[in-house]
PDB file of N, CA and C in Angstrom:
ATOM      1  N   MET A   1       9.199   9.855 -12.584  1.00  0.00           N
ATOM      2  CA  MET A   1       8.446   8.653 -12.727  1.00  0.00           C
ATOM      3  C   MET A   1       7.277   8.938 -13.651  1.00  0.00           C
ATOM      4  N   ILE A   2       7.063   8.104 -14.622  1.00  0.00           N
ATOM      5  CA  ILE A   2       5.929   8.261 -15.522  1.00  0.00           C
ATOM      6  C   ILE A   2       4.840   7.272 -15.095  1.00  0.00           C
ATOM      7  N   PRO A   3       3.737   7.794 -14.618  1.00  0.00           N
ATOM      8  CA  PRO A   3       2.685   6.897 -14.103  1.00  0.00           C
ATOM      9  C   PRO A   3       1.863   6.273 -15.222  1.00  0.00           C
ATOM     10  N   LEU A   4       1.700   4.984 -15.170  1.00  0.00           N
ATOM     11  CA  LEU A   4       0.845   4.251 -16.105  1.00  0.00           C
ATOM     12  C   LEU A   4      -0.152   3.438 -15.287  1.00  0.00           C
ATOM     13  N   ALA A   5      -1.414   3.707 -15.452  1.00  0.00           N
ATOM     14  CA  ALA A   5      -2.461   2.951 -14.744  1.00  0.00           C
ATOM     15  C   ALA A   5      -3.754   3.032 -15.532  1.00  0.00           C
ATOM     16  N   SER A   6      -4.397   1.908 -15.667  1.00  0.00           N
ATOM     17  CA  SER A   6      -5.708   1.896 -16.324  1.00  0.00           C
ATOM     18  C   SER A   6      -6.515   0.706 -15.810  1.00  0.00           C
ATOM     19  N   VAL A   7      -7.835   0.833 -15.918  1.00  0.00           N
ATOM     20  CA  VAL A   7      -8.752  -0.232 -15.537  1.00  0.00           C
ATOM     21  C   VAL A   7      -9.703  -0.417 -16.690  1.00  0.00           C
ATOM     22  N   ARG A   8      -9.759  -1.635 -17.225  1.00  0.00           N
ATOM     23  CA  ARG A   8     -10.632  -1.889 -18.381  1.00  0.00           C
ATOM     24  C   ARG A   8     -11.358  -3.208 -18.189  1.00  0.00           C
ATOM     25  N   SER A   9     -12.584  -3.257 -18.687  1.00  0.00           N
ATOM     26  CA  SER A   9     -13.368  -4.497 -18.698  1.00  0.00           C
ATOM     27  C   SER A   9     -14.468  -4.363 -19.741  1.00  0.00           C
ATOM     28  N   ALA A  10     -14.654  -5.408 -20.512  1.00  0.00           N
ATOM     29  CA  ALA A  10     -15.713  -5.419 -21.494  1.00  0.00           C
ATOM     30  C   ALA A  10     -17.084  -5.499 -20.836  1.00  0.00           C
ATOM     31  N   ALA A  11     -17.142  -5.887 -19.574  1.00  0.00           N
ATOM     32  CA  ALA A  11     -18.409  -6.042 -18.870  1.00  0.00           C
ATOM     33  C   ALA A  11     -18.871  -4.756 -18.186  1.00  0.00           C
ATOM     34  N   TYR A  12     -18.069  -3.689 -18.215  1.00  0.00           N
ATOM     35  CA  TYR A  12     -18.463  -2.444 -17.545  1.00  0.00           C
ATOM     36  C   TYR A  12     -19.584  -1.743 -18.318  1.00  0.00           C
ATOM     37  N   GLY A  13     -20.495  -1.166 -17.536  1.00  0.00           N
ATOM     38  CA  GLY A  13     -21.512  -0.294 -18.095  1.00  0.00           C
ATOM     39  C   GLY A  13     -20.950   1.103 -18.233  1.00  0.00           C
ATOM     40  N   GLU A  14     -21.754   2.049 -18.724  1.00  0.00           N
ATOM     41  CA  GLU A  14     -21.271   3.399 -18.956  1.00  0.00           C
ATOM     42  C   GLU A  14     -20.785   4.077 -17.685  1.00  0.00           C
ATOM     43  N   GLN A  15     -21.523   3.971 -16.596  1.00  0.00           N
ATOM     44  CA  GLN A  15     -21.127   4.585 -15.332  1.00  0.00           C
ATOM     45  C   GLN A  15     -19.872   3.915 -14.764  1.00  0.00           C
ATOM     46  N   GLU A  16     -19.776   2.598 -14.917  1.00  0.00           N
ATOM     47  CA  GLU A  16     -18.588   1.884 -14.416  1.00  0.00           C
ATOM     48  C   GLU A  16     -17.338   2.270 -15.215  1.00  0.00           C
ATOM     49  N   VAL A  17     -17.486   2.511 -16.514  1.00  0.00           N
ATOM     50  CA  VAL A  17     -16.363   2.971 -17.341  1.00  0.00           C
ATOM     51  C   VAL A  17     -15.867   4.341 -16.836  1.00  0.00           C
ATOM     52  N   GLU A  18     -16.820   5.239 -16.564  1.00  0.00           N
ATOM     53  CA  GLU A  18     -16.454   6.562 -16.038  1.00  0.00           C
ATOM     54  C   GLU A  18     -15.783   6.448 -14.672  1.00  0.00           C
ATOM     55  N   ASP A  19     -16.344   5.613 -13.804  1.00  0.00           N
ATOM     56  CA  ASP A  19     -15.742   5.431 -12.470  1.00  0.00           C
ATOM     57  C   ASP A  19     -14.335   4.846 -12.570  1.00  0.00           C
ATOM     58  N   ALA A  20     -14.155   3.863 -13.455  1.00  0.00           N
ATOM     59  CA  ALA A  20     -12.828   3.243 -13.620  1.00  0.00           C
ATOM     60  C   ALA A  20     -11.830   4.256 -14.159  1.00  0.00           C
ATOM     61  N   ALA A  21     -12.254   5.108 -15.102  1.00  0.00           N
ATOM     62  CA  ALA A  21     -11.363   6.117 -15.644  1.00  0.00           C
ATOM     63  C   ALA A  21     -10.954   7.117 -14.572  1.00  0.00           C
ATOM     64  N   GLU A  22     -11.897   7.492 -13.720  1.00  0.00           N
ATOM     65  CA  GLU A  22     -11.582   8.425 -12.626  1.00  0.00           C
ATOM     66  C   GLU A  22     -10.628   7.784 -11.630  1.00  0.00           C
ATOM     67  N   GLU A  23     -10.836   6.526 -11.293  1.00  0.00           N
ATOM     68  CA  GLU A  23      -9.950   5.813 -10.389  1.00  0.00           C
ATOM     69  C   GLU A  23      -8.543   5.674 -10.983  1.00  0.00           C
ATOM     70  N   ALA A  24      -8.445   5.399 -12.267  1.00  0.00           N
ATOM     71  CA  ALA A  24      -7.148   5.295 -12.921  1.00  0.00           C
ATOM     72  C   ALA A  24      -6.437   6.652 -12.941  1.00  0.00           C
ATOM     73  N   ARG A  25      -7.179   7.726 -13.173  1.00  0.00           N
ATOM     74  CA  ARG A  25      -6.599   9.069 -13.151  1.00  0.00           C
ATOM     75  C   ARG A  25      -6.060   9.396 -11.755  1.00  0.00           C
ATOM     76  N   ALA A  26      -6.829   9.053 -10.729  1.00  0.00           N
ATOM     77  CA  ALA A  26      -6.386   9.304  -9.349  1.00  0.00           C
ATOM     78  C   ALA A  26      -5.145   8.485  -9.033  1.00  0.00           C
ATOM     79  N   THR A  27      -5.085   7.247  -9.479  1.00  0.00           N
ATOM     80  CA  THR A  27      -3.906   6.406  -9.247  1.00  0.00           C
ATOM     81  C   THR A  27      -2.703   6.971  -9.953  1.00  0.00           C
ATOM     82  N   ARG A  28      -2.852   7.402 -11.197  1.00  0.00           N
ATOM     83  CA  ARG A  28      -1.727   7.996 -11.910  1.00  0.00           C
ATOM     84  C   ARG A  28      -1.203   9.239 -11.208  1.00  0.00           C
ATOM     85  N   SER A  29      -2.111  10.058 -10.678  1.00  0.00           N
ATOM     86  CA  SER A  29      -1.664  11.274 -10.000  1.00  0.00           C
ATOM     87  C   SER A  29      -0.947  10.959  -8.692  1.00  0.00           C
ATOM     88  N   ARG A  30      -1.318   9.858  -8.020  1.00  0.00           N
ATOM     89  CA  ARG A  30      -0.652   9.461  -6.766  1.00  0.00           C
ATOM     90  C   ARG A  30       0.739   8.905  -7.012  1.00  0.00           C
ATOM     91  N   ILE A  31       0.927   8.131  -8.083  1.00  0.00           N
ATOM     92  CA  ILE A  31       2.215   7.481  -8.284  1.00  0.00           C
ATOM     93  C   ILE A  31       3.177   8.311  -9.111  1.00  0.00           C
ATOM     94  N   GLY A  32       2.694   9.341  -9.774  1.00  0.00           N
ATOM     95  CA  GLY A  32       3.577  10.198 -10.556  1.00  0.00           C
ATOM     96  C   GLY A  32       4.308  11.167  -9.652  1.00  0.00           C
ATOM     97  N   GLY A  33       5.447  11.620 -10.095  1.00  0.00           N
ATOM     98  CA  GLY A  33       6.178  12.611  -9.311  1.00  0.00           C
ATOM     99  C   GLY A  33       7.614  12.691  -9.740  1.00  0.00           C
ATOM    100  N   VAL A  34       8.380  13.382  -8.955  1.00  0.00           N
ATOM    101  CA  VAL A  34       9.806  13.533  -9.225  1.00  0.00           C
ATOM    102  C   VAL A  34      10.555  13.329  -7.919  1.00  0.00           C
ATOM    103  N   GLY A  35      11.742  12.812  -8.016  1.00  0.00           N
ATOM    104  CA  GLY A  35      12.509  12.554  -6.800  1.00  0.00           C
ATOM    105  C   GLY A  35      13.993  12.489  -7.066  1.00  0.00           C
ATOM    106  N   GLY A  36      14.732  12.320  -6.023  1.00  0.00           N
ATOM    107  CA  GLY A  36      16.183  12.227  -6.119  1.00  0.00           C
ATOM    108  C   GLY A  36      16.779  11.484  -4.946  1.00  0.00           C
ATOM    109  N   ARG A  37      18.044  11.152  -5.095  1.00  0.00           N
ATOM    110  CA  ARG A  37      18.720  10.391  -4.068  1.00  0.00           C
ATOM    111  C   ARG A  37      20.183  10.805  -4.071  1.00  0.00           C
ATOM    112  N   VAL A  38      20.724  11.050  -2.875  1.00  0.00           N
ATOM    113  CA  VAL A  38      22.156  11.307  -2.720  1.00  0.00           C
ATOM    114  C   VAL A  38      22.653  10.370  -1.617  1.00  0.00           C
ATOM    115  N   GLY A  39      23.881   9.996  -1.745  1.00  0.00           N
ATOM    116  CA  GLY A  39      24.409   9.080  -0.731  1.00  0.00           C
ATOM    117  C   GLY A  39      25.899   8.964  -0.801  1.00  0.00           C
ATOM    118  N   LEU A  40      26.425   8.206   0.116  1.00  0.00           N
ATOM    119  CA  LEU A  40      27.844   7.933   0.157  1.00  0.00           C
ATOM    120  C   LEU A  40      28.054   6.567   0.784  1.00  0.00           C
ATOM    121  N   GLY A  41      29.230   6.072   0.556  1.00  0.00           N
ATOM    122  CA  GLY A  41      29.565   4.765   1.095  1.00  0.00           C
ATOM    123  C   GLY A  41      31.070   4.619   1.231  1.00  0.00           C
ATOM    124  N   ALA A  42      31.440   3.602   1.944  1.00  0.00           N
ATOM    125  CA  ALA A  42      32.875   3.302   2.140  1.00  0.00           C
ATOM    126  C   ALA A  42      33.026   1.796   2.396  1.00  0.00           C
ATOM    127  N   GLU A  43      34.195   1.323   2.085  1.00  0.00           N
ATOM    128  CA  GLU A  43      34.485  -0.065   2.398  1.00  0.00           C
ATOM    129  C   GLU A  43      35.945  -0.201   2.828  1.00  0.00           C
ATOM    130  N   VAL A  44      36.166  -1.215   3.659  1.00  0.00           N
ATOM    131  CA  VAL A  44      37.488  -1.438   4.222  1.00  0.00           C
ATOM    132  C   VAL A  44      37.861  -2.893   3.963  1.00  0.00           C
ATOM    133  N   LEU A  45      39.048  -3.128   3.482  1.00  0.00           N
ATOM    134  CA  LEU A  45      39.559  -4.463   3.287  1.00  0.00           C
ATOM    135  C   LEU A  45      40.072  -4.981   4.624  1.00  0.00           C
ATOM    136  N   LEU A  46      39.375  -5.960   5.220  1.00  0.00           N
ATOM    137  CA  LEU A  46      39.759  -6.493   6.519  1.00  0.00           C
ATOM    138  C   LEU A  46      40.910  -7.472   6.399  1.00  0.00           C
ATOM    139  N   SER A  47      40.829  -8.305   5.392  1.00  0.00           N
ATOM    140  CA  SER A  47      41.895  -9.250   5.090  1.00  0.00           C
ATOM    141  C   SER A  47      41.688  -9.671   3.615  1.00  0.00           C
ATOM    142  N   PRO A  48      42.644 -10.340   3.022  1.00  0.00           N
ATOM    143  CA  PRO A  48      42.451 -10.732   1.632  1.00  0.00           C
ATOM    144  C   PRO A  48      41.168 -11.554   1.455  1.00  0.00           C
ATOM    145  N   GLY A  49      40.256 -11.040   0.633  1.00  0.00           N
ATOM    146  CA  GLY A  49      38.998 -11.728   0.386  1.00  0.00           C
ATOM    147  C   GLY A  49      37.837 -11.328   1.294  1.00  0.00           C
ATOM    148  N   ILE A  50      38.063 -10.498   2.314  1.00  0.00           N
ATOM    149  CA  ILE A  50      36.996 -10.087   3.219  1.00  0.00           C
ATOM    150  C   ILE A  50      36.944  -8.549   3.269  1.00  0.00           C
ATOM    151  N   THR A  51      35.765  -8.022   2.914  1.00  0.00           N
ATOM    152  CA  THR A  51      35.577  -6.569   2.878  1.00  0.00           C
ATOM    153  C   THR A  51      34.353  -6.210   3.712  1.00  0.00           C
ATOM    154  N   LEU A  52      34.449  -5.134   4.474  1.00  0.00           N
ATOM    155  CA  LEU A  52      33.336  -4.607   5.238  1.00  0.00           C
ATOM    156  C   LEU A  52      32.986  -3.239   4.672  1.00  0.00           C
ATOM    157  N   GLY A  53      31.694  -3.052   4.354  1.00  0.00           N
ATOM    158  CA  GLY A  53      31.276  -1.790   3.740  1.00  0.00           C
ATOM    159  C   GLY A  53      30.060  -1.212   4.420  1.00  0.00           C
ATOM    160  N   LEU A  54      29.861   0.095   4.232  1.00  0.00           N
ATOM    161  CA  LEU A  54      28.741   0.818   4.797  1.00  0.00           C
ATOM    162  C   LEU A  54      28.291   1.808   3.730  1.00  0.00           C
ATOM    163  N   ARG A  55      26.991   1.979   3.599  1.00  0.00           N
ATOM    164  CA  ARG A  55      26.449   3.011   2.691  1.00  0.00           C
ATOM    165  C   ARG A  55      25.198   3.601   3.290  1.00  0.00           C
ATOM    166  N   THR A  56      24.922   4.828   2.908  1.00  0.00           N
ATOM    167  CA  THR A  56      23.715   5.515   3.343  1.00  0.00           C
ATOM    168  C   THR A  56      23.214   6.416   2.222  1.00  0.00           C
ATOM    169  N   HIS A  57      21.906   6.597   2.152  1.00  0.00           N
ATOM    170  CA  HIS A  57      21.274   7.444   1.168  1.00  0.00           C
ATOM    171  C   HIS A  57      20.226   8.320   1.837  1.00  0.00           C
ATOM    172  N   VAL A  58      20.040   9.524   1.329  1.00  0.00           N
ATOM    173  CA  VAL A  58      18.901  10.364   1.673  1.00  0.00           C
ATOM    174  C   VAL A  58      18.075  10.455   0.403  1.00  0.00           C
ATOM    175  N   ASN A  59      16.793  10.119   0.497  1.00  0.00           N
ATOM    176  CA  ASN A  59      15.894  10.059  -0.640  1.00  0.00           C
ATOM    177  C   ASN A  59      14.801  11.114  -0.476  1.00  0.00           C
ATOM    178  N   ALA A  60      14.306  11.627  -1.593  1.00  0.00           N
ATOM    179  CA  ALA A  60      13.202  12.585  -1.560  1.00  0.00           C
ATOM    180  C   ALA A  60      12.296  12.317  -2.763  1.00  0.00           C
ATOM    181  N   HIS A  61      10.994  12.472  -2.558  1.00  0.00           N
ATOM    182  CA  HIS A  61      10.017  12.303  -3.633  1.00  0.00           C
ATOM    183  C   HIS A  61       8.923  13.362  -3.444  1.00  0.00           C
ATOM    184  N   ARG A  62       8.544  13.996  -4.543  1.00  0.00           N
ATOM    185  CA  ARG A  62       7.450  14.985  -4.496  1.00  0.00           C
ATOM    186  C   ARG A  62       6.403  14.577  -5.534  1.00  0.00           C
ATOM    187  N   GLY A  63       5.173  14.513  -5.069  1.00  0.00           N
ATOM    188  CA  GLY A  63       4.060  14.208  -5.952  1.00  0.00           C
ATOM    189  C   GLY A  63       2.931  15.198  -5.714  1.00  0.00           C
ATOM    190  N   GLN A  64       2.023  15.249  -6.659  1.00  0.00           N
ATOM    191  CA  GLN A  64       0.861  16.131  -6.485  1.00  0.00           C
ATOM    192  C   GLN A  64      -0.372  15.499  -7.119  1.00  0.00           C
ATOM    193  N   THR A  65      -1.486  15.824  -6.531  1.00  0.00           N
ATOM    194  CA  THR A  65      -2.799  15.353  -7.015  1.00  0.00           C
ATOM    195  C   THR A  65      -3.672  16.581  -7.210  1.00  0.00           C
ATOM    196  N   LEU A  66      -4.236  16.705  -8.385  1.00  0.00           N
ATOM    197  CA  LEU A  66      -5.124  17.816  -8.697  1.00  0.00           C
ATOM    198  C   LEU A  66      -6.513  17.252  -8.956  1.00  0.00           C
ATOM    199  N   ASN A  67      -7.500  17.759  -8.226  1.00  0.00           N
ATOM    200  CA  ASN A  67      -8.885  17.416  -8.527  1.00  0.00           C
ATOM    201  C   ASN A  67      -9.679  18.700  -8.683  1.00  0.00           C
ATOM    202  N   GLU A  68     -10.982  18.591  -8.748  1.00  0.00           N
ATOM    203  CA  GLU A  68     -11.821  19.763  -9.014  1.00  0.00           C
ATOM    204  C   GLU A  68     -11.708  20.818  -7.910  1.00  0.00           C
ATOM    205  N   ASP A  69     -11.456  20.381  -6.675  1.00  0.00           N
ATOM    206  CA  ASP A  69     -11.492  21.299  -5.527  1.00  0.00           C
ATOM    207  C   ASP A  69     -10.126  21.817  -5.072  1.00  0.00           C
ATOM    208  N   ALA A  70      -9.095  20.999  -5.199  1.00  0.00           N
ATOM    209  CA  ALA A  70      -7.830  21.377  -4.554  1.00  0.00           C
ATOM    210  C   ALA A  70      -6.629  20.743  -5.254  1.00  0.00           C
ATOM    211  N   LEU A  71      -5.495  21.318  -4.981  1.00  0.00           N
ATOM    212  CA  LEU A  71      -4.204  20.752  -5.372  1.00  0.00           C
ATOM    213  C   LEU A  71      -3.535  20.251  -4.110  1.00  0.00           C
ATOM    214  N   ARG A  72      -3.248  18.969  -4.072  1.00  0.00           N
ATOM    215  CA  ARG A  72      -2.597  18.359  -2.908  1.00  0.00           C
ATOM    216  C   ARG A  72      -1.156  18.022  -3.282  1.00  0.00           C
ATOM    217  N   VAL A  73      -0.228  18.534  -2.511  1.00  0.00           N
ATOM    218  CA  VAL A  73       1.198  18.287  -2.757  1.00  0.00           C
ATOM    219  C   VAL A  73       1.746  17.515  -1.586  1.00  0.00           C
ATOM    220  N   ALA A  74       2.500  16.477  -1.880  1.00  0.00           N
ATOM    221  CA  ALA A  74       3.106  15.648  -0.841  1.00  0.00           C
ATOM    222  C   ALA A  74       4.597  15.510  -1.120  1.00  0.00           C
ATOM    223  N   THR A  75       5.384  15.650  -0.072  1.00  0.00           N
ATOM    224  CA  THR A  75       6.826  15.467  -0.181  1.00  0.00           C
ATOM    225  C   THR A  75       7.252  14.465   0.864  1.00  0.00           C
ATOM    226  N   TRP A  76       7.986  13.468   0.426  1.00  0.00           N
ATOM    227  CA  TRP A  76       8.490  12.427   1.345  1.00  0.00           C
ATOM    228  C   TRP A  76      10.008  12.510   1.320  1.00  0.00           C
ATOM    229  N   ILE A  77      10.593  12.536   2.512  1.00  0.00           N
ATOM    230  CA  ILE A  77      12.045  12.494   2.655  1.00  0.00           C
ATOM    231  C   ILE A  77      12.375  11.400   3.653  1.00  0.00           C
ATOM    232  N   TRP A  78      13.275  10.493   3.283  1.00  0.00           N
ATOM    233  CA  TRP A  78      13.642   9.402   4.158  1.00  0.00           C
ATOM    234  C   TRP A  78      15.098   9.013   3.913  1.00  0.00           C
ATOM    235  N   ALA A  79      15.655   8.316   4.887  1.00  0.00           N
ATOM    236  CA  ALA A  79      17.050   7.878   4.774  1.00  0.00           C
ATOM    237  C   ALA A  79      17.086   6.355   4.909  1.00  0.00           C
ATOM    238  N   ASP A  80      18.085   5.757   4.285  1.00  0.00           N
ATOM    239  CA  ASP A  80      18.325   4.327   4.463  1.00  0.00           C
ATOM    240  C   ASP A  80      19.813   4.101   4.573  1.00  0.00           C
ATOM    241  N   ALA A  81      20.160   3.010   5.207  1.00  0.00           N
ATOM    242  CA  ALA A  81      21.585   2.659   5.412  1.00  0.00           C
ATOM    243  C   ALA A  81      21.732   1.145   5.341  1.00  0.00           C
ATOM    244  N   ALA A  82      22.926   0.717   5.010  1.00  0.00           N
ATOM    245  CA  ALA A  82      23.208  -0.712   4.939  1.00  0.00           C
ATOM    246  C   ALA A  82      24.650  -0.981   5.345  1.00  0.00           C
ATOM    247  N   LEU A  83      24.819  -2.110   5.964  1.00  0.00           N
ATOM    248  CA  LEU A  83      26.150  -2.597   6.342  1.00  0.00           C
ATOM    249  C   LEU A  83      26.360  -3.886   5.531  1.00  0.00           C
ATOM    250  N   ARG A  84      27.519  -4.002   4.891  1.00  0.00           N
ATOM    251  CA  ARG A  84      27.754  -5.145   4.010  1.00  0.00           C
ATOM    252  C   ARG A  84      29.078  -5.838   4.371  1.00  0.00           C
ATOM    253  N   LEU A  85      29.005  -7.143   4.452  1.00  0.00           N
ATOM    254  CA  LEU A  85      30.181  -7.968   4.640  1.00  0.00           C
ATOM    255  C   LEU A  85      30.324  -8.809   3.387  1.00  0.00           C
ATOM    256  N   GLN A  86      31.448  -8.659   2.705  1.00  0.00           N
ATOM    257  CA  GLN A  86      31.677  -9.391   1.457  1.00  0.00           C
ATOM    258  C   GLN A  86      32.816 -10.367   1.637  1.00  0.00           C
ATOM    259  N   ILE A  87      32.546 -11.622   1.276  1.00  0.00           N
ATOM    260  CA  ILE A  87      33.581 -12.665   1.355  1.00  0.00           C
ATOM    261  C   ILE A  87      33.792 -13.216  -0.033  1.00  0.00           C
ATOM    262  N   GLU A  88      34.978 -13.107  -0.531  1.00  0.00           N
ATOM    263  CA  GLU A  88      35.322 -13.637  -1.857  1.00  0.00           C
ATOM    264  C   GLU A  88      35.992 -14.999  -1.683  1.00  0.00           C
ATOM    265  N   LEU A  89      35.426 -15.972  -2.361  1.00  0.00           N
ATOM    266  CA  LEU A  89      35.984 -17.332  -2.266  1.00  0.00           C
ATOM    267  C   LEU A  89      36.900 -17.637  -3.415  1.00  0.00           C
TER     268      LEU A  89
END
């Protein structure tokens, strides 16, 4: 993910511009990262025109934030699943 974030205003003073730039940098570091997803699914034809399906995924995302004092690394791993009934008319 390529993080894009900025805060701009013509009404900002010098300190507000610096604060906004720091906030935008922090936001970019929070939303940037790398991740992946693996999954599988299946479907069964119940009758002509009616299909029942199931799918599941395991997702992972890793991000990091670097400031003057520390490097913070966060990893999120979660799963999702769905059941689908398809009716073709």
